[in-house]
PDB file of N, CA and C in Angstrom:
ATOM      1  N   MET A   1       0.817  -1.185   0.000  1.00  0.00           N
ATOM      2  CA  MET A   1       0.000   0.000   0.000  1.00  0.00           C
ATOM      3  C   MET A   1       0.870   1.262   0.000  1.00  0.00           C
ATOM      4  N   VAL A   2       1.894   1.278   0.825  1.00  0.00           N
ATOM      5  CA  VAL A   2       2.774   2.450   0.908  1.00  0.00           C
ATOM      6  C   VAL A   2       3.488   2.672  -0.422  1.00  0.00           C
ATOM      7  N   LEU A   3       3.975   1.584  -1.025  1.00  0.00           N
ATOM      8  CA  LEU A   3       4.676   1.725  -2.306  1.00  0.00           C
ATOM      9  C   LEU A   3       3.746   2.197  -3.409  1.00  0.00           C
ATOM     10  N   THR A   4       2.545   1.673  -3.424  1.00  0.00           N
ATOM     11  CA  THR A   4       1.563   2.104  -4.424  1.00  0.00           C
ATOM     12  C   THR A   4       1.244   3.579  -4.257  1.00  0.00           C
ATOM     13  N   THR A   5       1.035   4.019  -3.030  1.00  0.00           N
ATOM     14  CA  THR A   5       0.755   5.435  -2.757  1.00  0.00           C
ATOM     15  C   THR A   5       1.920   6.308  -3.205  1.00  0.00           C
ATOM     16  N   ALA A   6       3.140   5.885  -2.911  1.00  0.00           N
ATOM     17  CA  ALA A   6       4.320   6.657  -3.317  1.00  0.00           C
ATOM     18  C   ALA A   6       4.408   6.751  -4.833  1.00  0.00           C
ATOM     19  N   ARG A   7       4.128   5.649  -5.536  1.00  0.00           N
ATOM     20  CA  ARG A   7       4.200   5.649  -7.001  1.00  0.00           C
ATOM     21  C   ARG A   7       3.106   6.513  -7.620  1.00  0.00           C
ATOM     22  N   VAL A   8       1.910   6.503  -7.039  1.00  0.00           N
ATOM     23  CA  VAL A   8       0.798   7.307  -7.568  1.00  0.00           C
ATOM     24  C   VAL A   8       1.036   8.783  -7.285  1.00  0.00           C
ATOM     25  N   THR A   9       1.503   9.090  -6.085  1.00  0.00           N
ATOM     26  CA  THR A   9       1.750  10.480  -5.694  1.00  0.00           C
ATOM     27  C   THR A   9       2.877  11.094  -6.514  1.00  0.00           C
ATOM     28  N   ASN A  10       3.933  10.330  -6.724  1.00  0.00           N
ATOM     29  CA  ASN A  10       5.083  10.818  -7.482  1.00  0.00           C
ATOM     30  C   ASN A  10       5.556   9.699  -8.414  1.00  0.00           C
ATOM     31  N   PRO A  11       5.103   9.701  -9.667  1.00  0.00           N
ATOM     32  CA  PRO A  11       5.454   8.628 -10.610  1.00  0.00           C
ATOM     33  C   PRO A  11       6.955   8.477 -10.851  1.00  0.00           C
ATOM     34  N   ASP A  12       7.744   9.495 -10.531  1.00  0.00           N
ATOM     35  CA  ASP A  12       9.192   9.412 -10.724  1.00  0.00           C
ATOM     36  C   ASP A  12       9.916   8.828  -9.508  1.00  0.00           C
ATOM     37  N   THR A  13       9.158   8.373  -8.522  1.00  0.00           N
ATOM     38  CA  THR A  13       9.756   7.787  -7.325  1.00  0.00           C
ATOM     39  C   THR A  13      10.599   6.575  -7.709  1.00  0.00           C
ATOM     40  N   MET A  14      11.811   6.511  -7.163  1.00  0.00           N
ATOM     41  CA  MET A  14      12.685   5.358  -7.391  1.00  0.00           C
ATOM     42  C   MET A  14      12.643   4.479  -6.145  1.00  0.00           C
ATOM     43  N   ILE A  15      12.448   3.194  -6.350  1.00  0.00           N
ATOM     44  CA  ILE A  15      12.349   2.256  -5.237  1.00  0.00           C
ATOM     45  C   ILE A  15      13.430   1.199  -5.396  1.00  0.00           C
ATOM     46  N   LEU A  16      14.170   0.965  -4.330  1.00  0.00           N
ATOM     47  CA  LEU A  16      15.166  -0.097  -4.296  1.00  0.00           C
ATOM     48  C   LEU A  16      14.700  -1.101  -3.249  1.00  0.00           C
ATOM     49  N   ALA A  17      14.432  -2.317  -3.671  1.00  0.00           N
ATOM     50  CA  ALA A  17      13.961  -3.358  -2.755  1.00  0.00           C
ATOM     51  C   ALA A  17      14.980  -4.489  -2.733  1.00  0.00           C
ATOM     52  N   LEU A  18      15.418  -4.852  -1.545  1.00  0.00           N
ATOM     53  CA  LEU A  18      16.393  -5.927  -1.384  1.00  0.00           C
ATOM     54  C   LEU A  18      15.784  -7.038  -0.544  1.00  0.00           C
ATOM     55  N   SER A  19      16.004  -8.269  -0.955  1.00  0.00           N
ATOM     56  CA  SER A  19      15.506  -9.398  -0.178  1.00  0.00           C
ATOM     57  C   SER A  19      16.349 -10.627  -0.455  1.00  0.00           C
ATOM     58  N   ALA A  20      16.595 -11.393   0.584  1.00  0.00           N
ATOM     59  CA  ALA A  20      17.304 -12.661   0.426  1.00  0.00           C
ATOM     60  C   ALA A  20      16.344 -13.839   0.399  1.00  0.00           C
ATOM     61  N   THR A  21      15.073 -13.581   0.652  1.00  0.00           N
ATOM     62  CA  THR A  21      14.139 -14.699   0.813  1.00  0.00           C
ATOM     63  C   THR A  21      12.877 -14.604  -0.030  1.00  0.00           C
ATOM     64  N   ILE A  22      12.735 -13.596  -0.835  1.00  0.00           N
ATOM     65  CA  ILE A  22      11.492 -13.408  -1.589  1.00  0.00           C
ATOM     66  C   ILE A  22      11.312 -14.544  -2.603  1.00  0.00           C
ATOM     67  N   SER A  23      10.113 -15.092  -2.657  1.00  0.00           N
ATOM     68  CA  SER A  23       9.874 -16.239  -3.531  1.00  0.00           C
ATOM     69  C   SER A  23       9.212 -15.868  -4.859  1.00  0.00           C
ATOM     70  N   ASN A  24       8.718 -14.641  -4.972  1.00  0.00           N
ATOM     71  CA  ASN A  24       8.003 -14.248  -6.196  1.00  0.00           C
ATOM     72  C   ASN A  24       8.503 -12.909  -6.753  1.00  0.00           C
ATOM     73  N   PRO A  25       9.791 -12.800  -7.072  1.00  0.00           N
ATOM     74  CA  PRO A  25      10.309 -11.512  -7.546  1.00  0.00           C
ATOM     75  C   PRO A  25       9.666 -11.049  -8.853  1.00  0.00           C
ATOM     76  N   ASP A  26       9.279 -11.979  -9.715  1.00  0.00           N
ATOM     77  CA  ASP A  26       8.651 -11.591 -10.985  1.00  0.00           C
ATOM     78  C   ASP A  26       7.323 -10.876 -10.749  1.00  0.00           C
ATOM     79  N   ASP A  27       6.529 -11.383  -9.822  1.00  0.00           N
ATOM     80  CA  ASP A  27       5.243 -10.745  -9.508  1.00  0.00           C
ATOM     81  C   ASP A  27       5.444  -9.342  -8.955  1.00  0.00           C
ATOM     82  N   ILE A  28       6.411  -9.195  -8.079  1.00  0.00           N
ATOM     83  CA  ILE A  28       6.660  -7.881  -7.473  1.00  0.00           C
ATOM     84  C   ILE A  28       7.184  -6.910  -8.519  1.00  0.00           C
ATOM     85  N   CYS A  29       8.063  -7.368  -9.395  1.00  0.00           N
ATOM     86  CA  CYS A  29       8.571  -6.494 -10.463  1.00  0.00           C
ATOM     87  C   CYS A  29       7.458  -6.062 -11.401  1.00  0.00           C
ATOM     88  N   GLU A  30       6.554  -6.966 -11.697  1.00  0.00           N
ATOM     89  CA  GLU A  30       5.418  -6.606 -12.546  1.00  0.00           C
ATOM     90  C   GLU A  30       4.548  -5.560 -11.844  1.00  0.00           C
ATOM     91  N   TRP A  31       4.289  -5.764 -10.567  1.00  0.00           N
ATOM     92  CA  TRP A  31       3.468  -4.837  -9.781  1.00  0.00           C
ATOM     93  C   TRP A  31       4.110  -3.453  -9.714  1.00  0.00           C
ATOM     94  N   LEU A  32       5.443  -3.410  -9.563  1.00  0.00           N
ATOM     95  CA  LEU A  32       6.153  -2.133  -9.462  1.00  0.00           C
ATOM     96  C   LEU A  32       6.618  -1.608 -10.820  1.00  0.00           C
ATOM     97  N   ASP A  33       6.330  -2.347 -11.897  1.00  0.00           N
ATOM     98  CA  ASP A  33       6.793  -1.978 -13.232  1.00  0.00           C
ATOM     99  C   ASP A  33       8.297  -1.723 -13.200  1.00  0.00           C
ATOM    100  N   SER A  34       9.033  -2.744 -12.759  1.00  0.00           N
ATOM    101  CA  SER A  34      10.472  -2.595 -12.563  1.00  0.00           C
ATOM    102  C   SER A  34      11.226  -3.794 -13.131  1.00  0.00           C
ATOM    103  N   ASN A  35      12.520  -3.800 -12.922  1.00  0.00           N
ATOM    104  CA  ASN A  35      13.392  -4.868 -13.413  1.00  0.00           C
ATOM    105  C   ASN A  35      14.037  -5.607 -12.247  1.00  0.00           C
ATOM    106  N   ILE A  36      14.333  -6.882 -12.463  1.00  0.00           N
ATOM    107  CA  ILE A  36      15.034  -7.688 -11.458  1.00  0.00           C
ATOM    108  C   ILE A  36      16.530  -7.602 -11.717  1.00  0.00           C
ATOM    109  N   ILE A  37      17.272  -7.377 -10.675  1.00  0.00           N
ATOM    110  CA  ILE A  37      18.724  -7.520 -10.708  1.00  0.00           C
ATOM    111  C   ILE A  37      19.017  -8.553  -9.633  1.00  0.00           C
ATOM    112  N   ALA A  38      19.413  -9.749 -10.036  1.00  0.00           N
ATOM    113  CA  ALA A  38      19.584 -10.849  -9.088  1.00  0.00           C
ATOM    114  C   ALA A  38      21.033 -11.309  -9.036  1.00  0.00           C
ATOM    115  N   SER A  39      21.425 -11.787  -7.884  1.00  0.00           N
ATOM    116  CA  SER A  39      22.763 -12.336  -7.701  1.00  0.00           C
ATOM    117  C   SER A  39      22.694 -13.448  -6.662  1.00  0.00           C
ATOM    118  N   ASP A  40      23.426 -14.518  -6.906  1.00  0.00           N
ATOM    119  CA  ASP A  40      23.509 -15.573  -5.905  1.00  0.00           C
ATOM    120  C   ASP A  40      24.909 -15.616  -5.280  1.00  0.00           C
ATOM    121  N   PHE A  41      25.631 -14.499  -5.389  1.00  0.00           N
ATOM    122  CA  PHE A  41      26.974 -14.386  -4.821  1.00  0.00           C
ATOM    123  C   PHE A  41      26.931 -14.559  -3.310  1.00  0.00           C
ATOM    124  N   ARG A  42      27.840 -15.338  -2.775  1.00  0.00           N
ATOM    125  CA  ARG A  42      28.000 -15.514  -1.331  1.00  0.00           C
ATOM    126  C   ARG A  42      29.475 -15.337  -1.006  1.00  0.00           C
ATOM    127  N   PRO A  43      29.800 -14.406  -0.130  1.00  0.00           N
ATOM    128  CA  PRO A  43      31.205 -14.235   0.240  1.00  0.00           C
ATOM    129  C   PRO A  43      31.726 -15.418   1.059  1.00  0.00           C
ATOM    130  N   VAL A  44      30.820 -16.140   1.701  1.00  0.00           N
ATOM    131  CA  VAL A  44      31.180 -17.304   2.508  1.00  0.00           C
ATOM    132  C   VAL A  44      30.248 -18.445   2.118  1.00  0.00           C
ATOM    133  N   LYS A  45      30.800 -19.642   1.904  1.00  0.00           N
ATOM    134  CA  LYS A  45      29.981 -20.794   1.526  1.00  0.00           C
ATOM    135  C   LYS A  45      28.951 -21.082   2.622  1.00  0.00           C
ATOM    136  N   LEU A  46      27.729 -21.328   2.196  1.00  0.00           N
ATOM    137  CA  LEU A  46      26.661 -21.682   3.122  1.00  0.00           C
ATOM    138  C   LEU A  46      26.766 -23.165   3.437  1.00  0.00           C
ATOM    139  N   LYS A  47      26.906 -23.474   4.708  1.00  0.00           N
ATOM    140  CA  LYS A  47      27.021 -24.862   5.134  1.00  0.00           C
ATOM    141  C   LYS A  47      25.804 -25.184   5.988  1.00  0.00           C
ATOM    142  N   LYS A  48      25.015 -26.146   5.541  1.00  0.00           N
ATOM    143  CA  LYS A  48      23.782 -26.494   6.242  1.00  0.00           C
ATOM    144  C   LYS A  48      23.962 -27.800   7.002  1.00  0.00           C
ATOM    145  N   GLY A  49      23.345 -27.857   8.178  1.00  0.00           N
ATOM    146  CA  GLY A  49      23.420 -29.070   8.973  1.00  0.00           C
ATOM    147  C   GLY A  49      22.243 -29.177   9.910  1.00  0.00           C
ATOM    148  N   VAL A  50      22.119 -30.345  10.499  1.00  0.00           N
ATOM    149  CA  VAL A  50      21.070 -30.607  11.478  1.00  0.00           C
ATOM    150  C   VAL A  50      21.742 -30.968  12.793  1.00  0.00           C
ATOM    151  N   LEU A  51      21.314 -30.297  13.853  1.00  0.00           N
ATOM    152  CA  LEU A  51      21.860 -30.546  15.182  1.00  0.00           C
ATOM    153  C   LEU A  51      20.866 -31.391  15.964  1.00  0.00           C
ATOM    154  N   TYR A  52      21.312 -32.554  16.413  1.00  0.00           N
ATOM    155  CA  TYR A  52      20.476 -33.423  17.245  1.00  0.00           C
ATOM    156  C   TYR A  52      21.295 -33.824  18.454  1.00  0.00           C
ATOM    157  N   ARG A  53      20.789 -33.465  19.619  1.00  0.00           N
ATOM    158  CA  ARG A  53      21.492 -33.675  20.885  1.00  0.00           C
ATOM    159  C   ARG A  53      22.859 -33.021  20.801  1.00  0.00           C
ATOM    160  N   ASN A  54      23.932 -33.786  20.746  1.00  0.00           N
ATOM    161  CA  ASN A  54      25.260 -33.157  20.699  1.00  0.00           C
ATOM    162  C   ASN A  54      25.997 -33.427  19.383  1.00  0.00           C
ATOM    163  N   LEU A  55      25.261 -33.796  18.332  1.00  0.00           N
ATOM    164  CA  LEU A  55      25.894 -34.117  17.056  1.00  0.00           C
ATOM    165  C   LEU A  55      25.321 -33.250  15.934  1.00  0.00           C
ATOM    166  N   MET A  56      26.203 -32.572  15.211  1.00  0.00           N
ATOM    167  CA  MET A  56      25.820 -31.780  14.044  1.00  0.00           C
ATOM    168  C   MET A  56      26.200 -32.588  12.809  1.00  0.00           C
ATOM    169  N   VAL A  57      25.215 -32.888  11.961  1.00  0.00           N
ATOM    170  CA  VAL A  57      25.451 -33.631  10.720  1.00  0.00           C
ATOM    171  C   VAL A  57      25.181 -32.680   9.561  1.00  0.00           C
ATOM    172  N   PHE A  58      26.179 -32.536   8.678  1.00  0.00           N
ATOM    173  CA  PHE A  58      26.103 -31.588   7.581  1.00  0.00           C
ATOM    174  C   PHE A  58      25.643 -32.264   6.297  1.00  0.00           C
ATOM    175  N   GLU A  59      25.225 -31.442   5.317  1.00  0.00           N
ATOM    176  CA  GLU A  59      24.761 -31.953   4.013  1.00  0.00           C
ATOM    177  C   GLU A  59      25.799 -32.823   3.321  1.00  0.00           C
ATOM    178  N   ASP A  60      27.076 -32.483   3.493  1.00  0.00           N
ATOM    179  CA  ASP A  60      28.133 -33.252   2.822  1.00  0.00           C
ATOM    180  C   ASP A  60      28.484 -34.534   3.584  1.00  0.00           C
ATOM    181  N   GLU A  61      27.649 -34.895   4.555  1.00  0.00           N
ATOM    182  CA  GLU A  61      27.760 -36.110   5.360  1.00  0.00           C
ATOM    183  C   GLU A  61      28.895 -36.080   6.371  1.00  0.00           C
ATOM    184  N   THR A  62      29.560 -34.933   6.537  1.00  0.00           N
ATOM    185  CA  THR A  62      30.508 -34.803   7.629  1.00  0.00           C
ATOM    186  C   THR A  62      29.713 -34.500   8.892  1.00  0.00           C
ATOM    187  N   SER A  63      30.357 -34.672  10.032  1.00  0.00           N
ATOM    188  CA  SER A  63      29.661 -34.397  11.288  1.00  0.00           C
ATOM    189  C   SER A  63      30.637 -33.846  12.314  1.00  0.00           C
ATOM    190  N   LYS A  64      30.079 -33.260  13.352  1.00  0.00           N
ATOM    191  CA  LYS A  64      30.891 -32.711  14.430  1.00  0.00           C
ATOM    192  C   LYS A  64      30.151 -32.937  15.733  1.00  0.00           C
ATOM    193  N   GLU A  65      30.882 -33.442  16.724  1.00  0.00           N
ATOM    194  CA  GLU A  65      30.287 -33.710  18.027  1.00  0.00           C
ATOM    195  C   GLU A  65      30.635 -32.576  18.989  1.00  0.00           C
ATOM    196  N   TYR A  66      29.673 -32.186  19.801  1.00  0.00           N
ATOM    197  CA  TYR A  66      29.842 -31.122  20.784  1.00  0.00           C
ATOM    198  C   TYR A  66      29.624 -31.701  22.175  1.00  0.00           C
ATOM    199  N   ASN A  67      30.449 -31.257  23.138  1.00  0.00           N
ATOM    200  CA  ASN A  67      30.367 -31.810  24.487  1.00  0.00           C
ATOM    201  C   ASN A  67      29.949 -30.810  25.555  1.00  0.00           C
ATOM    202  N   GLY A  68      30.055 -29.529  25.283  1.00  0.00           N
ATOM    203  CA  GLY A  68      29.708 -28.521  26.281  1.00  0.00           C
ATOM    204  C   GLY A  68      28.446 -27.791  25.892  1.00  0.00           C
ATOM    205  N   ASP A  69      28.494 -26.472  25.974  1.00  0.00           N
ATOM    206  CA  ASP A  69      27.374 -25.626  25.562  1.00  0.00           C
ATOM    207  C   ASP A  69      27.332 -25.636  24.036  1.00  0.00           C
ATOM    208  N   ILE A  70      26.362 -26.318  23.487  1.00  0.00           N
ATOM    209  CA  ILE A  70      26.301 -26.536  22.037  1.00  0.00           C
ATOM    210  C   ILE A  70      26.266 -25.228  21.258  1.00  0.00           C
ATOM    211  N   VAL A  71      25.486 -24.265  21.722  1.00  0.00           N
ATOM    212  CA  VAL A  71      25.374 -22.995  21.000  1.00  0.00           C
ATOM    213  C   VAL A  71      26.713 -22.274  20.983  1.00  0.00           C
ATOM    214  N   LEU A  72      27.342 -22.136  22.151  1.00  0.00           N
ATOM    215  CA  LEU A  72      28.628 -21.428  22.210  1.00  0.00           C
ATOM    216  C   LEU A  72      29.716 -22.168  21.443  1.00  0.00           C
ATOM    217  N   GLU A  73      29.757 -23.488  21.567  1.00  0.00           N
ATOM    218  CA  GLU A  73      30.762 -24.263  20.831  1.00  0.00           C
ATOM    219  C   GLU A  73      30.555 -24.157  19.324  1.00  0.00           C
ATOM    220  N   THR A  74      29.302 -24.167  18.894  1.00  0.00           N
ATOM    221  CA  THR A  74      29.006 -24.052  17.462  1.00  0.00           C
ATOM    222  C   THR A  74      29.463 -22.703  16.933  1.00  0.00           C
ATOM    223  N   ILE A  75      29.118 -21.635  17.639  1.00  0.00           N
ATOM    224  CA  ILE A  75      29.521 -20.287  17.222  1.00  0.00           C
ATOM    225  C   ILE A  75      31.038 -20.172  17.188  1.00  0.00           C
ATOM    226  N   ALA A  76      31.717 -20.641  18.241  1.00  0.00           N
ATOM    227  CA  ALA A  76      33.178 -20.568  18.295  1.00  0.00           C
ATOM    228  C   ALA A  76      33.804 -21.362  17.152  1.00  0.00           C
ATOM    229  N   SER A  77      33.273 -22.538  16.871  1.00  0.00           N
ATOM    230  CA  SER A  77      33.799 -23.375  15.793  1.00  0.00           C
ATOM    231  C   SER A  77      33.649 -22.695  14.435  1.00  0.00           C
ATOM    232  N   ILE A  78      32.497 -22.114  14.192  1.00  0.00           N
ATOM    233  CA  ILE A  78      32.246 -21.429  12.917  1.00  0.00           C
ATOM    234  C   ILE A  78      33.190 -20.248  12.748  1.00  0.00           C
ATOM    235  N   ILE A  79      33.324 -19.444  13.787  1.00  0.00           N
ATOM    236  CA  ILE A  79      34.190 -18.265  13.715  1.00  0.00           C
ATOM    237  C   ILE A  79      35.652 -18.679  13.573  1.00  0.00           C
ATOM    238  N   ASN A  80      36.081 -19.723  14.295  1.00  0.00           N
ATOM    239  CA  ASN A  80      37.465 -20.203  14.182  1.00  0.00           C
ATOM    240  C   ASN A  80      37.781 -20.736  12.794  1.00  0.00           C
ATOM    241  N   ASP A  81      36.769 -21.198  12.073  1.00  0.00           N
ATOM    242  CA  ASP A  81      36.951 -21.670  10.694  1.00  0.00           C
ATOM    243  C   ASP A  81      36.770 -20.544   9.678  1.00  0.00           C
ATOM    244  N   SER A  82      36.858 -19.288  10.125  1.00  0.00           N
ATOM    245  CA  SER A  82      36.698 -18.094   9.288  1.00  0.00           C
ATOM    246  C   SER A  82      35.303 -17.989   8.697  1.00  0.00           C
ATOM    247  N   GLY A  83      34.326 -18.573   9.358  1.00  0.00           N
ATOM    248  CA  GLY A  83      32.949 -18.491   8.887  1.00  0.00           C
ATOM    249  C   GLY A  83      32.211 -17.335   9.528  1.00  0.00           C
ATOM    250  N   GLN A  84      30.954 -17.241   9.204  1.00  0.00           N
ATOM    251  CA  GLN A  84      30.079 -16.214   9.756  1.00  0.00           C
ATOM    252  C   GLN A  84      28.846 -16.892  10.309  1.00  0.00           C
ATOM    253  N   CYS A  85      28.255 -16.297  11.321  1.00  0.00           N
ATOM    254  CA  CYS A  85      27.000 -16.844  11.836  1.00  0.00           C
ATOM    255  C   CYS A  85      26.086 -15.701  12.227  1.00  0.00           C
ATOM    256  N   LEU A  86      24.816 -15.985  12.154  1.00  0.00           N
ATOM    257  CA  LEU A  86      23.802 -14.975  12.430  1.00  0.00           C
ATOM    258  C   LEU A  86      22.879 -15.504  13.496  1.00  0.00           C
TER     259      LEU A  86
END
């Protein structure tokens, strides 16, 4: 609603929309009469895993066991491997 109002009030309004999770960029571009500029660049490789009890199993079938505070050990391990965590 806000974007539509801005576009109607001032047709020369420039809108920059950024999202890492949007599933329908084509629909939004059509609605805003705009173009998609997409990139899948990642400065750090995304490593996905599942944590169950004290074992983290990753997509590449490697695993890591944790014995203390799982959250703190996981964060420390990621940072020590030059990774990033959010």
